[in-house]
């Protein structure tokens, strides 16, 4: 962007691709320039998304790069080694399924994972106990990502435990 004449500057940090009509953010945070599609052709919506995008960038550590679900899974697995053997076994089983069965693949960047993908993954657990165990493992894993500044918010937010009855 910047030097490229294929994008029109619409406002501060806001650009539009004239051929597609899609708006883009071009933001500099802590000396690093970040470009991101705002995935809209509507200017008022683009301005809202730009504001949210900037707020999210302030919450994340851009030096971590684009961490994948697989990398987060590996990191989380190292944090559970102090738990009981049965808990480690159960959580490791779920993490292996995350690596092999995640909708879209485990090489997806964390920032691109949507709550609907979490729902699709959890749908493989019809039983209440197994569903809740998988949900709690994912919740803990994504907690590591948000606390470490890898992502601004967890896609697990708002997903509820199953209740019996």
Protein backbone atom coordinates (compact mmCIF):
# COMPACT_ATOMS: atom_id res chain seq x y z
CA UNK A 1 0.00 0.00 0.00
CA UNK A 2 1.55 3.37 0.92
CA UNK A 3 3.50 3.93 -2.30
CA UNK A 4 1.12 1.86 -4.38
CA UNK A 5 -1.41 3.87 -6.36
CA UNK A 6 -3.83 0.93 -6.52
CA UNK A 7 -5.32 1.88 -3.14
CA UNK A 8 -7.20 5.09 -2.41
CA UNK A 9 -6.62 6.79 0.92
CA UNK A 10 -10.01 7.34 2.52
CA UNK A 11 -8.95 8.54 5.94
CA UNK A 12 -6.27 8.14 8.57
CA UNK A 13 -5.10 4.50 8.39
CA UNK A 14 -8.04 3.66 6.09
CA UNK A 15 -7.64 2.67 2.43
CA UNK A 16 -9.96 1.34 -0.26
CA UNK A 17 -9.15 -0.99 -3.11
CA UNK A 18 -10.99 0.61 -6.07
CA UNK A 19 -11.21 -2.60 -8.09
CA UNK A 20 -12.89 -4.63 -5.32
CA UNK A 21 -14.32 -1.83 -3.18
CA UNK A 22 -12.93 -3.49 -0.04
CA UNK A 23 -11.52 -1.35 2.76
CA UNK A 24 -8.14 -1.96 4.38
CA UNK A 25 -6.46 -0.78 7.55
CA UNK A 26 -2.83 0.32 7.45
CA UNK A 27 -1.65 0.90 10.99
CA UNK A 28 1.76 1.39 12.58
CA UNK A 29 2.08 -0.10 16.08
CA UNK A 30 5.33 -0.01 18.05
CA UNK A 31 7.28 0.66 14.84
CA UNK A 32 5.71 -2.19 12.87
CA UNK A 33 3.38 -1.49 9.94
CA UNK A 34 0.37 -3.79 9.79
CA UNK A 35 -2.03 -4.11 6.86
CA UNK A 36 -5.34 -5.90 7.28
CA UNK A 37 -8.49 -6.30 5.21
CA UNK A 38 -11.51 -4.98 7.07
CA UNK A 39 -13.66 -7.36 5.00
CA UNK A 40 -16.31 -4.79 4.15
CA UNK A 41 -17.28 -2.50 1.28
CA UNK A 42 -19.33 -0.23 3.55
CA UNK A 43 -17.51 2.92 4.71
CA UNK A 44 -19.25 3.42 8.10
CA UNK A 45 -18.70 -0.26 8.90
CA UNK A 46 -15.06 0.04 7.77
CA UNK A 47 -14.54 2.94 10.19
CA UNK A 48 -16.00 0.88 13.07
CA UNK A 49 -13.88 -2.12 12.15
CA UNK A 50 -10.77 0.09 11.91
CA UNK A 51 -11.40 1.39 15.43
CA UNK A 52 -11.85 -2.18 16.75
CA UNK A 53 -8.76 -3.34 14.84
CA UNK A 54 -6.62 -0.59 16.39
CA UNK A 55 -7.92 -1.43 19.88
CA UNK A 56 -7.15 -5.12 19.33
CA UNK A 57 -3.61 -4.31 18.18
CA UNK A 58 -2.97 -2.43 21.42
CA UNK A 59 -3.84 -5.63 23.33
CA UNK A 60 -1.57 -7.98 21.41
CA UNK A 61 2.18 -8.38 21.19
CA UNK A 62 2.95 -7.96 17.49
CA UNK A 63 6.45 -9.37 18.01
CA UNK A 64 4.91 -12.83 18.47
CA UNK A 65 4.10 -12.91 14.79
CA UNK A 66 1.30 -15.04 13.46
CA UNK A 67 1.09 -17.96 15.86
CA UNK A 68 -0.87 -20.98 14.68
CA UNK A 69 -3.30 -23.22 16.50
CA UNK A 70 -0.70 -26.00 16.35
CA UNK A 71 1.94 -23.78 18.01
CA UNK A 72 -0.49 -22.75 20.73
CA UNK A 73 -1.40 -26.40 21.34
CA UNK A 74 2.29 -27.27 21.79
CA UNK A 75 2.80 -24.36 24.17
CA UNK A 76 -0.30 -25.23 26.21
CA UNK A 77 0.71 -28.89 26.46
CA UNK A 78 3.93 -27.81 28.21
CA UNK A 79 1.90 -25.90 30.84
CA UNK A 80 -0.11 -28.93 32.01
CA UNK A 81 2.74 -31.22 32.99
CA UNK A 82 2.21 -30.61 36.72
CA UNK A 83 -1.34 -32.04 36.63
CA UNK A 84 -2.32 -35.62 37.47
CA UNK A 85 -1.46 -38.34 34.97
CA UNK A 86 -5.13 -38.93 34.06
CA UNK A 87 -5.74 -35.21 33.47
CA UNK A 88 -2.65 -34.97 31.26
CA UNK A 89 -3.85 -38.02 29.31
CA UNK A 90 -7.32 -36.53 28.77
CA UNK A 91 -6.06 -33.07 27.79
CA UNK A 92 -3.38 -34.53 25.50
CA UNK A 93 -6.04 -36.63 23.73
CA UNK A 94 -8.08 -33.49 23.09
CA UNK A 95 -5.00 -31.58 21.89
CA UNK A 96 -4.20 -34.38 19.42
CA UNK A 97 -7.72 -34.07 18.03
CA UNK A 98 -7.25 -30.30 17.75
CA UNK A 99 -4.17 -30.96 15.62
CA UNK A 100 -5.86 -33.54 13.37
CA UNK A 101 -9.55 -32.63 13.29
CA UNK A 102 -9.78 -28.81 13.58
CA UNK A 103 -12.04 -27.30 10.88
CA UNK A 104 -9.69 -25.60 8.43
CA UNK A 105 -6.59 -27.32 9.85
CA UNK A 106 -4.32 -26.70 12.82
CA UNK A 107 -2.00 -24.46 10.78
CA UNK A 108 -4.63 -21.68 10.96
CA UNK A 109 -3.50 -18.41 12.52
CA UNK A 110 -5.14 -17.81 15.88
CA UNK A 111 -6.45 -14.41 14.83
CA UNK A 112 -8.44 -16.05 12.01
CA UNK A 113 -10.25 -18.66 14.13
CA UNK A 114 -13.95 -17.94 14.60
CA UNK A 115 -16.33 -19.11 17.36
CA UNK A 116 -18.23 -21.13 14.72
CA UNK A 117 -15.09 -23.26 14.17
CA UNK A 118 -14.92 -23.92 17.90
CA UNK A 119 -18.57 -24.99 17.74
CA UNK A 120 -17.86 -27.32 14.80
CA UNK A 121 -14.97 -28.90 16.69
CA UNK A 122 -17.01 -29.33 19.88
CA UNK A 123 -19.89 -30.89 17.90
CA UNK A 124 -17.82 -34.06 17.68
CA UNK A 125 -18.47 -34.54 21.43
CA UNK A 126 -22.11 -35.62 21.86
CA UNK A 127 -21.79 -36.51 25.55
CA UNK A 128 -22.07 -33.83 28.22
CA UNK A 129 -18.90 -34.77 30.12
CA UNK A 130 -16.69 -35.13 27.03
CA UNK A 131 -18.03 -31.89 25.52
CA UNK A 132 -17.38 -29.95 28.73
CA UNK A 133 -13.92 -31.47 29.10
CA UNK A 134 -13.01 -30.47 25.54
CA UNK A 135 -14.47 -26.98 26.07
CA UNK A 136 -12.50 -26.46 29.28
CA UNK A 137 -9.28 -27.62 27.59
CA UNK A 138 -9.84 -25.19 24.71
CA UNK A 139 -10.78 -22.42 27.14
CA UNK A 140 -7.53 -22.95 29.09
CA UNK A 141 -5.49 -23.12 25.90
CA UNK A 142 -6.95 -19.86 24.59
CA UNK A 143 -6.48 -18.28 27.99
CA UNK A 144 -2.74 -18.79 27.53
CA UNK A 145 -2.99 -17.04 24.14
CA UNK A 146 -4.89 -14.02 25.47
CA UNK A 147 -2.79 -13.64 28.62
CA UNK A 148 0.44 -13.81 26.58
CA UNK A 149 -0.89 -11.20 24.13
CA UNK A 150 -1.05 -13.54 21.14
CA UNK A 151 -4.69 -12.65 20.43
CA UNK A 152 -6.90 -9.82 21.69
CA UNK A 153 -9.83 -12.05 22.67
CA UNK A 154 -10.68 -15.71 22.75
CA UNK A 155 -13.07 -17.29 20.23
CA UNK A 156 -14.27 -19.42 23.17
CA UNK A 157 -15.96 -16.40 24.79
CA UNK A 158 -19.69 -16.93 24.97
CA UNK A 159 -19.59 -20.69 24.44
CA UNK A 160 -21.39 -22.32 27.34
CA UNK A 161 -20.92 -25.63 29.07
CA UNK A 162 -23.55 -28.30 28.45
CA UNK A 163 -25.86 -28.98 31.36
CA UNK A 164 -27.61 -32.26 32.09
CA UNK A 165 -31.38 -32.46 31.98
